Amino acid sequence: MLRIVSANLNGVRSAHKKGFFEWLPTLDADIVCVQELKAQHCDLEDEHRRCHPLDGHFHCAQKKGYSGVGIYTRHVPDRVVEGLGVPEFDSEGRYLQMDFGNLSVVSLYLPSGSSSEERQTVKFAFLERFLPHLESLYRCGREVVICGDWNIAHREIDLKNWKGNLKNSGFLPEERAWMTHLFEQVGWVDVWRTLYPEAPGYTWWSNRGQAYAKDVGWRIDYHVATPGLSAAARSGQIYKDVRFSDHAPLIVDYDWKL
């Protein structure tokens, strides 16, 4: 089995203090995609860069303490691609791709629009520029999985309080329609929802109130894959035994060999 994990760390140094890098070797994972590093290369200590047997590669934001993505892998990649070739988004460290044979793995941190109207505008601009890349990536002839924090709950099952969030960033009609187009027209597959059609699968909980204790969550972390790889998915789990972040790691096992 090929085990691929996606985890928004909400700060790599914070996650480290909470035991993330002690937990990581116990996973027997092949590839671990992380988001929201909130660190630059100069901030990364040796224990952040390598967690035996996994070596880390990172695409950091220019702004200190902000965004950033990474991929830890026990396999040596054939190619590493940092960014989308769009300077305004690449400066925020949101996309890192690794190619292994005929498989590409992407760590993605899609912008959030919840902090302001300005950031929602940025989010919509990112979606507009990202879609052609996703269409091209889908047609490239490779199997691909995009792991990360997409900051969109696609359907009503994907968040607890959907009625109260119809006008909020992350569940806006335009965002959900964009995801629907991705799955139904372009052809990408939502791996968790395919494996577990009726399981909510929440991966993020607000720090307000007692959202985590009451499981008032959102499913905004995904494995989005090409059909061939998605068909090889055998099981998935959301790890909640230890809380490293306001997100929970999403783990999927694929019947696939590198």
C-alpha atoms as a PDB file:
ATOM      1  CA  MET A   1       0.000   0.000   0.000  1.00  0.00           C
ATOM      2  CA  LEU A   2       1.032   3.581  -0.681  1.00  0.00           C
ATOM      3  CA  ARG A   3       0.107   5.735   2.337  1.00  0.00           C
ATOM      4  CA  ILE A   4      -0.338   9.445   1.620  1.00  0.00           C
ATOM      5  CA  VAL A   5      -1.192  11.957   4.344  1.00  0.00           C
ATOM      6  CA  SER A   6      -2.392  15.550   4.231  1.00  0.00           C
ATOM      7  CA  ALA A   7      -2.049  17.757   7.311  1.00  0.00           C
ATOM      8  CA  ASN A   8      -2.517  21.480   7.827  1.00  0.00           C
ATOM      9  CA  LEU A   9      -0.115  22.210  10.672  1.00  0.00           C
ATOM     10  CA  ASN A  10      -1.195  25.778  11.496  1.00  0.00           C
ATOM     11  CA  GLY A  11       2.484  26.429  12.109  1.00  0.00           C
ATOM     12  CA  VAL A  12       5.228  23.823  11.777  1.00  0.00           C
ATOM     13  CA  ARG A  13       6.906  25.007  14.980  1.00  0.00           C
ATOM     14  CA  SER A  14       3.618  24.873  16.880  1.00  0.00           C
ATOM     15  CA  ALA A  15       2.885  21.360  15.575  1.00  0.00           C
ATOM     16  CA  HIS A  16       6.388  20.308  16.581  1.00  0.00           C
ATOM     17  CA  LYS A  17       5.743  21.373  20.171  1.00  0.00           C
ATOM     18  CA  LYS A  18       2.500  19.359  20.134  1.00  0.00           C
ATOM     19  CA  GLY A  19       4.270  16.144  19.088  1.00  0.00           C
ATOM     20  CA  PHE A  20       3.673  16.033  15.340  1.00  0.00           C
ATOM     21  CA  PHE A  21       7.226  14.946  14.532  1.00  0.00           C
ATOM     22  CA  GLU A  22       7.132  12.245  17.191  1.00  0.00           C
ATOM     23  CA  TRP A  23       3.915  10.898  15.685  1.00  0.00           C
ATOM     24  CA  LEU A  24       5.051  11.057  12.061  1.00  0.00           C
ATOM     25  CA  PRO A  25       7.463   8.073  12.116  1.00  0.00           C
ATOM     26  CA  THR A  26       4.770   5.868  13.679  1.00  0.00           C
ATOM     27  CA  LEU A  27       2.544   6.329  10.625  1.00  0.00           C
ATOM     28  CA  ASP A  28       4.586   4.252   8.179  1.00  0.00           C
ATOM     29  CA  ALA A  29       3.647   6.864   5.574  1.00  0.00           C
ATOM     30  CA  ASP A  30       5.257   7.135   2.157  1.00  0.00           C
ATOM     31  CA  ILE A  31       4.347  10.767   1.487  1.00  0.00           C
ATOM     32  CA  VAL A  32       3.117  13.469   3.877  1.00  0.00           C
ATOM     33  CA  CYS A  33       1.827  16.761   2.462  1.00  0.00           C
ATOM     34  CA  VAL A  34       1.733  19.638   4.940  1.00  0.00           C
ATOM     35  CA  GLN A  35       0.281  23.124   4.716  1.00  0.00           C
ATOM     36  CA  GLU A  36       0.423  26.413   6.589  1.00  0.00           C
ATOM     37  CA  LEU A  37       4.032  26.093   7.676  1.00  0.00           C
ATOM     38  CA  LYS A  38       4.052  29.694   8.943  1.00  0.00           C
ATOM     39  CA  ALA A  39       7.837  29.573   8.593  1.00  0.00           C
ATOM     40  CA  GLN A  40      10.542  30.462   6.120  1.00  0.00           C
ATOM     41  CA  HIS A  41      13.505  28.279   5.186  1.00  0.00           C
ATOM     42  CA  CYS A  42      15.717  29.989   7.753  1.00  0.00           C
ATOM     43  CA  ASP A  43      13.211  29.106  10.492  1.00  0.00           C
ATOM     44  CA  LEU A  44      13.223  25.373   9.777  1.00  0.00           C
ATOM     45  CA  GLU A  45      15.319  23.344  12.177  1.00  0.00           C
ATOM     46  CA  ASP A  46      16.838  19.962  11.321  1.00  0.00           C
ATOM     47  CA  GLU A  47      13.936  18.180  13.040  1.00  0.00           C
ATOM     48  CA  HIS A  48      11.514  20.072  10.763  1.00  0.00           C
ATOM     49  CA  ARG A  49      13.453  19.280   7.587  1.00  0.00           C
ATOM     50  CA  ARG A  50      13.836  15.542   8.077  1.00  0.00           C
ATOM     51  CA  CYS A  51      11.849  13.048  10.107  1.00  0.00           C
ATOM     52  CA  HIS A  52      13.417   9.631   9.502  1.00  0.00           C
ATOM     53  CA  PRO A  53      12.735   8.023   7.083  1.00  0.00           C
ATOM     54  CA  LEU A  54      11.054  11.058   5.513  1.00  0.00           C
ATOM     55  CA  ASP A  55      12.911  13.936   3.851  1.00  0.00           C
ATOM     56  CA  GLY A  56      11.146  17.297   3.593  1.00  0.00           C
ATOM     57  CA  HIS A  57      10.913  19.737   0.702  1.00  0.00           C
ATOM     58  CA  PHE A  58       9.306  23.144   1.192  1.00  0.00           C
ATOM     59  CA  HIS A  59       7.786  26.090  -0.678  1.00  0.00           C
ATOM     60  CA  CYS A  60       7.668  28.947   1.805  1.00  0.00           C
ATOM     61  CA  ALA A  61       5.883  32.281   1.645  1.00  0.00           C
ATOM     62  CA  GLN A  62       7.861  35.487   1.360  1.00  0.00           C
ATOM     63  CA  LYS A  63       5.891  36.941   4.255  1.00  0.00           C
ATOM     64  CA  LYS A  64       7.152  35.834   7.658  1.00  0.00           C
ATOM     65  CA  GLY A  65       4.925  33.568   9.717  1.00  0.00           C
ATOM     66  CA  TYR A  66       2.498  33.014   6.849  1.00  0.00           C
ATOM     67  CA  SER A  67       1.247  30.190   4.641  1.00  0.00           C
ATOM     68  CA  GLY A  68       3.798  27.791   3.088  1.00  0.00           C
ATOM     69  CA  VAL A  69       3.560  24.136   2.037  1.00  0.00           C
ATOM     70  CA  GLY A  70       5.799  21.100   2.188  1.00  0.00           C
ATOM     71  CA  ILE A  71       6.078  17.431   1.273  1.00  0.00           C
ATOM     72  CA  TYR A  72       7.869  14.767   3.302  1.00  0.00           C
ATOM     73  CA  THR A  73       8.725  11.592   1.417  1.00  0.00           C
ATOM     74  CA  ARG A  74      10.681   8.384   1.815  1.00  0.00           C
ATOM     75  CA  HIS A  75      11.099   8.241  -1.991  1.00  0.00           C
ATOM     76  CA  VAL A  76      13.446  10.398  -4.057  1.00  0.00           C
ATOM     77  CA  PRO A  77      11.345  12.493  -6.474  1.00  0.00           C
ATOM     78  CA  ASP A  78      12.145  12.647 -10.176  1.00  0.00           C
ATOM     79  CA  ARG A  79      11.077  16.284 -10.275  1.00  0.00           C
ATOM     80  CA  VAL A  80      10.049  19.022  -7.862  1.00  0.00           C
ATOM     81  CA  VAL A  81       7.862  21.955  -8.964  1.00  0.00           C
ATOM     82  CA  GLU A  82       7.492  24.981  -6.703  1.00  0.00           C
ATOM     83  CA  GLY A  83       4.558  27.241  -7.433  1.00  0.00           C
ATOM     84  CA  LEU A  84       2.135  27.721 -10.292  1.00  0.00           C
ATOM     85  CA  GLY A  85       4.167  30.255 -12.240  1.00  0.00           C
ATOM     86  CA  VAL A  86       1.885  33.054 -11.007  1.00  0.00           C
ATOM     87  CA  PRO A  87       4.068  35.432  -8.946  1.00  0.00           C
ATOM     88  CA  GLU A  88       1.265  36.932  -6.856  1.00  0.00           C
ATOM     89  CA  PHE A  89       0.273  33.490  -5.587  1.00  0.00           C
ATOM     90  CA  ASP A  90       3.686  31.833  -5.613  1.00  0.00           C
ATOM     91  CA  SER A  91       4.950  34.509  -3.218  1.00  0.00           C
ATOM     92  CA  GLU A  92       2.479  33.080  -0.693  1.00  0.00           C
ATOM     93  CA  GLY A  93       3.861  29.516  -0.896  1.00  0.00           C
ATOM     94  CA  ARG A  94       0.713  27.639  -1.863  1.00  0.00           C
ATOM     95  CA  TYR A  95       1.717  24.873  -4.310  1.00  0.00           C
ATOM     96  CA  LEU A  96       4.408  22.197  -4.278  1.00  0.00           C
ATOM     97  CA  GLN A  97       4.441  19.256  -6.693  1.00  0.00           C
ATOM     98  CA  MET A  98       6.603  16.147  -6.732  1.00  0.00           C
ATOM     99  CA  ASP A  99       6.764  13.601  -9.540  1.00  0.00           C
ATOM    100  CA  PHE A 100       7.526   9.944  -8.833  1.00  0.00           C
ATOM    101  CA  GLY A 101       7.483   7.865 -12.002  1.00  0.00           C
ATOM    102  CA  ASN A 102       3.965   8.227 -13.426  1.00  0.00           C
ATOM    103  CA  LEU A 103       2.560   9.661 -10.181  1.00  0.00           C
ATOM    104  CA  SER A 104       2.460  13.321  -9.195  1.00  0.00           C
ATOM    105  CA  VAL A 105       1.699  14.414  -5.633  1.00  0.00           C
ATOM    106  CA  VAL A 106       0.782  18.011  -4.819  1.00  0.00           C
ATOM    107  CA  SER A 107       0.607  19.817  -1.493  1.00  0.00           C
ATOM    108  CA  LEU A 108      -1.898  22.670  -1.803  1.00  0.00           C
ATOM    109  CA  TYR A 109      -2.944  25.486   0.487  1.00  0.00           C
ATOM    110  CA  LEU A 110      -5.785  27.325  -1.195  1.00  0.00           C
ATOM    111  CA  PRO A 111      -6.397  30.874   0.092  1.00  0.00           C
ATOM    112  CA  SER A 112      -8.991  31.541   2.763  1.00  0.00           C
ATOM    113  CA  GLY A 113     -11.396  34.413   2.297  1.00  0.00           C
ATOM    114  CA  SER A 114     -12.780  34.467   5.807  1.00  0.00           C
ATOM    115  CA  SER A 115     -10.695  37.351   7.171  1.00  0.00           C
ATOM    116  CA  SER A 116     -11.922  40.099   4.827  1.00  0.00           C
ATOM    117  CA  GLU A 117     -13.650  40.927   1.547  1.00  0.00           C
ATOM    118  CA  GLU A 118     -10.225  41.687   0.109  1.00  0.00           C
ATOM    119  CA  ARG A 119      -8.988  38.175   0.864  1.00  0.00           C
ATOM    120  CA  GLN A 120     -12.172  36.686  -0.575  1.00  0.00           C
ATOM    121  CA  THR A 121     -11.419  38.581  -3.783  1.00  0.00           C
ATOM    122  CA  VAL A 122      -7.928  37.075  -3.736  1.00  0.00           C
ATOM    123  CA  LYS A 123      -9.455  33.643  -3.221  1.00  0.00           C
ATOM    124  CA  PHE A 124     -11.736  34.035  -6.235  1.00  0.00           C
ATOM    125  CA  ALA A 125      -8.776  35.240  -8.310  1.00  0.00           C
ATOM    126  CA  PHE A 126      -6.807  32.172  -7.262  1.00  0.00           C
ATOM    127  CA  LEU A 127      -9.675  29.861  -8.228  1.00  0.00           C
ATOM    128  CA  GLU A 128      -9.872  31.522 -11.642  1.00  0.00           C
ATOM    129  CA  ARG A 129      -6.144  31.113 -12.302  1.00  0.00           C
ATOM    130  CA  PHE A 130      -5.936  27.647 -10.751  1.00  0.00           C
ATOM    131  CA  LEU A 131      -8.693  26.021 -12.818  1.00  0.00           C
ATOM    132  CA  PRO A 132      -6.797  26.026 -16.147  1.00  0.00           C
ATOM    133  CA  HIS A 133      -3.817  24.497 -14.353  1.00  0.00           C
ATOM    134  CA  LEU A 134      -6.054  21.764 -12.938  1.00  0.00           C
ATOM    135  CA  GLU A 135      -7.514  21.096 -16.389  1.00  0.00           C
ATOM    136  CA  SER A 136      -4.032  20.828 -17.883  1.00  0.00           C
ATOM    137  CA  LEU A 137      -2.789  18.641 -15.027  1.00  0.00           C
ATOM    138  CA  TYR A 138      -5.763  16.316 -15.459  1.00  0.00           C
ATOM    139  CA  ARG A 139      -4.973  15.882 -19.163  1.00  0.00           C
ATOM    140  CA  CYS A 140      -1.211  15.403 -18.755  1.00  0.00           C
ATOM    141  CA  GLY A 141      -1.413  11.604 -18.871  1.00  0.00           C
ATOM    142  CA  ARG A 142      -0.106  11.113 -15.334  1.00  0.00           C
ATOM    143  CA  GLU A 143      -1.885   9.951 -12.210  1.00  0.00           C
ATOM    144  CA  VAL A 144      -2.125  12.851  -9.764  1.00  0.00           C
ATOM    145  CA  VAL A 145      -3.310  13.478  -6.218  1.00  0.00           C
ATOM    146  CA  ILE A 146      -3.663  16.989  -4.820  1.00  0.00           C
ATOM    147  CA  CYS A 147      -3.574  16.876  -1.037  1.00  0.00           C
ATOM    148  CA  GLY A 148      -4.288  19.864   1.088  1.00  0.00           C
ATOM    149  CA  ASP A 149      -6.457  22.506   2.624  1.00  0.00           C
ATOM    150  CA  TRP A 150      -8.830  23.637  -0.117  1.00  0.00           C
ATOM    151  CA  ASN A 151     -10.743  25.978   2.243  1.00  0.00           C
ATOM    152  CA  ILE A 152     -14.058  24.973   0.642  1.00  0.00           C
ATOM    153  CA  ALA A 153     -16.698  22.615   1.992  1.00  0.00           C
ATOM    154  CA  HIS A 154     -18.320  21.238  -1.138  1.00  0.00           C
ATOM    155  CA  ARG A 155     -21.674  19.848  -0.020  1.00  0.00           C
ATOM    156  CA  GLU A 156     -24.056  20.115   2.915  1.00  0.00           C
ATOM    157  CA  ILE A 157     -22.708  16.868   4.379  1.00  0.00           C
ATOM    158  CA  ASP A 158     -19.259  18.469   4.523  1.00  0.00           C
ATOM    159  CA  LEU A 159     -19.985  20.813   7.422  1.00  0.00           C
ATOM    160  CA  LYS A 160     -22.106  20.565  10.547  1.00  0.00           C
ATOM    161  CA  ASN A 161     -23.857  23.917  10.448  1.00  0.00           C
ATOM    162  CA  TRP A 162     -24.390  24.307   6.708  1.00  0.00           C
ATOM    163  CA  LYS A 163     -27.551  26.407   6.969  1.00  0.00           C
ATOM    164  CA  GLY A 164     -25.779  29.018   9.062  1.00  0.00           C
ATOM    165  CA  ASN A 165     -22.827  29.239   6.656  1.00  0.00           C
ATOM    166  CA  LEU A 166     -24.535  29.727   3.308  1.00  0.00           C
ATOM    167  CA  LYS A 167     -23.214  33.296   3.087  1.00  0.00           C
ATOM    168  CA  ASN A 168     -19.805  32.633   4.626  1.00  0.00           C
ATOM    169  CA  SER A 169     -16.461  32.096   2.927  1.00  0.00           C
ATOM    170  CA  GLY A 170     -15.769  28.416   2.454  1.00  0.00           C
ATOM    171  CA  PHE A 171     -19.390  27.558   1.679  1.00  0.00           C
ATOM    172  CA  LEU A 172     -20.358  30.285  -0.783  1.00  0.00           C
ATOM    173  CA  PRO A 173     -22.413  29.163  -3.812  1.00  0.00           C
ATOM    174  CA  GLU A 174     -19.658  30.316  -6.189  1.00  0.00           C
ATOM    175  CA  GLU A 175     -16.998  28.299  -4.347  1.00  0.00           C
ATOM    176  CA  ARG A 176     -19.149  25.180  -4.230  1.00  0.00           C
ATOM    177  CA  ALA A 177     -20.028  25.515  -7.922  1.00  0.00           C
ATOM    178  CA  TRP A 178     -16.310  25.734  -8.705  1.00  0.00           C
ATOM    179  CA  MET A 179     -15.728  22.446  -6.865  1.00  0.00           C
ATOM    180  CA  THR A 180     -18.694  20.829  -8.609  1.00  0.00           C
ATOM    181  CA  HIS A 181     -17.253  21.850 -11.974  1.00  0.00           C
ATOM    182  CA  LEU A 182     -13.916  20.351 -10.958  1.00  0.00           C
ATOM    183  CA  PHE A 183     -15.484  16.987 -10.143  1.00  0.00           C
ATOM    184  CA  GLU A 184     -18.338  16.730 -12.628  1.00  0.00           C
ATOM    185  CA  GLN A 185     -16.977  18.495 -15.707  1.00  0.00           C
ATOM    186  CA  VAL A 186     -13.188  18.304 -15.478  1.00  0.00           C
ATOM    187  CA  GLY A 187     -13.164  14.784 -14.034  1.00  0.00           C
ATOM    188  CA  TRP A 188     -11.214  15.009 -10.784  1.00  0.00           C
ATOM    189  CA  VAL A 189     -12.343  12.710  -7.957  1.00  0.00           C
ATOM    190  CA  ASP A 190     -12.953  13.515  -4.285  1.00  0.00           C
ATOM    191  CA  VAL A 191     -11.302  10.436  -2.770  1.00  0.00           C
ATOM    192  CA  TRP A 192     -12.838  10.600   0.716  1.00  0.00           C
ATOM    193  CA  ARG A 193     -16.358  11.141  -0.558  1.00  0.00           C
ATOM    194  CA  THR A 194     -15.925   8.237  -2.998  1.00  0.00           C
ATOM    195  CA  LEU A 195     -14.731   5.908  -0.246  1.00  0.00           C
ATOM    196  CA  TYR A 196     -17.289   7.109   2.307  1.00  0.00           C
ATOM    197  CA  PRO A 197     -20.370   8.624   0.648  1.00  0.00           C
ATOM    198  CA  GLU A 198     -22.244   9.119   3.929  1.00  0.00           C
ATOM    199  CA  ALA A 199     -19.432   9.948   6.391  1.00  0.00           C
ATOM    200  CA  PRO A 200     -19.058  13.697   7.046  1.00  0.00           C
ATOM    201  CA  GLY A 201     -15.291  13.435   7.451  1.00  0.00           C
ATOM    202  CA  TYR A 202     -14.700  16.762   9.203  1.00  0.00           C
ATOM    203  CA  THR A 203     -11.047  17.862   9.239  1.00  0.00           C
ATOM    204  CA  TRP A 204     -11.230  21.387  10.700  1.00  0.00           C
ATOM    205  CA  TRP A 205     -12.882  22.891  13.763  1.00  0.00           C
ATOM    206  CA  SER A 206     -13.066  26.517  14.822  1.00  0.00           C
ATOM    207  CA  ASN A 207     -11.258  27.461  18.002  1.00  0.00           C
ATOM    208  CA  ARG A 208     -14.353  29.384  19.053  1.00  0.00           C
ATOM    209  CA  GLY A 209     -16.734  27.945  21.595  1.00  0.00           C
ATOM    210  CA  GLN A 210     -16.483  24.187  21.911  1.00  0.00           C
ATOM    211  CA  ALA A 211     -16.579  23.346  18.212  1.00  0.00           C
ATOM    212  CA  TYR A 212     -14.054  20.510  18.512  1.00  0.00           C
ATOM    213  CA  ALA A 213     -15.642  18.980  21.608  1.00  0.00           C
ATOM    214  CA  LYS A 214     -19.070  19.127  19.977  1.00  0.00           C
ATOM    215  CA  ASP A 215     -17.701  18.030  16.564  1.00  0.00           C
ATOM    216  CA  VAL A 216     -19.048  21.140  14.838  1.00  0.00           C
ATOM    217  CA  GLY A 217     -16.606  20.789  11.979  1.00  0.00           C
ATOM    218  CA  TRP A 218     -15.912  21.353   8.313  1.00  0.00           C
ATOM    219  CA  ARG A 219     -14.417  19.017   5.714  1.00  0.00           C
ATOM    220  CA  ILE A 220     -12.008  21.321   3.886  1.00  0.00           C
ATOM    221  CA  ASP A 221      -8.948  19.036   3.621  1.00  0.00           C
ATOM    222  CA  TYR A 222      -9.037  16.735   0.617  1.00  0.00           C
ATOM    223  CA  HIS A 223      -7.278  14.166  -1.496  1.00  0.00           C
ATOM    224  CA  VAL A 224      -8.395  15.141  -5.003  1.00  0.00           C
ATOM    225  CA  ALA A 225      -7.170  12.594  -7.533  1.00  0.00           C
ATOM    226  CA  THR A 226      -7.294  11.475 -11.130  1.00  0.00           C
ATOM    227  CA  PRO A 227      -9.710   8.560 -11.678  1.00  0.00           C
ATOM    228  CA  GLY A 228      -7.021   5.890 -12.010  1.00  0.00           C
ATOM    229  CA  LEU A 229      -5.406   6.685  -8.686  1.00  0.00           C
ATOM    230  CA  SER A 230      -8.726   7.255  -6.960  1.00  0.00           C
ATOM    231  CA  ALA A 231      -9.833   3.766  -8.000  1.00  0.00           C
ATOM    232  CA  ALA A 232      -6.776   2.426  -6.163  1.00  0.00           C
ATOM    233  CA  ALA A 233      -7.815   4.051  -2.850  1.00  0.00           C
ATOM    234  CA  ARG A 234      -8.625   1.337  -0.328  1.00  0.00           C
ATOM    235  CA  SER A 235      -9.216   3.132   2.962  1.00  0.00           C
ATOM    236  CA  GLY A 236      -9.046   6.509   4.631  1.00  0.00           C
ATOM    237  CA  GLN A 237      -8.985   7.848   8.163  1.00  0.00           C
ATOM    238  CA  ILE A 238      -8.967  11.160   9.979  1.00  0.00           C
ATOM    239  CA  TYR A 239      -6.525  11.091  12.876  1.00  0.00           C
ATOM    240  CA  LYS A 240      -7.950  12.699  16.019  1.00  0.00           C
ATOM    241  CA  ASP A 241      -6.174  10.881  18.852  1.00  0.00           C
ATOM    242  CA  VAL A 242      -3.797  13.834  19.286  1.00  0.00           C
ATOM    243  CA  ARG A 243      -4.635  17.373  18.237  1.00  0.00           C
ATOM    244  CA  PHE A 244      -1.601  18.910  16.533  1.00  0.00           C
ATOM    245  CA  SER A 245      -3.531  21.769  14.930  1.00  0.00           C
ATOM    246  CA  ASP A 246      -7.033  23.108  14.336  1.00  0.00           C
ATOM    247  CA  HIS A 247      -7.016  20.611  11.430  1.00  0.00           C
ATOM    248  CA  ALA A 248      -6.808  16.817  11.686  1.00  0.00           C
ATOM    249  CA  PRO A 249      -4.514  14.785   9.394  1.00  0.00           C
ATOM    250  CA  LEU A 250      -6.255  12.979   6.535  1.00  0.00           C
ATOM    251  CA  ILE A 251      -4.694   9.586   5.756  1.00  0.00           C
ATOM    252  CA  VAL A 252      -5.457   7.528   2.627  1.00  0.00           C
ATOM    253  CA  ASP A 253      -4.015   4.140   1.632  1.00  0.00           C
ATOM    254  CA  TYR A 254      -3.725   3.396  -2.080  1.00  0.00           C
ATOM    255  CA  ASP A 255      -3.076   0.022  -3.719  1.00  0.00           C
ATOM    256  CA  TRP A 256      -0.211   1.539  -5.647  1.00  0.00           C
ATOM    257  CA  LYS A 257       3.529   1.013  -5.982  1.00  0.00           C
ATOM    258  CA  LEU A 258       6.127   3.661  -6.755  1.00  0.00           C
END
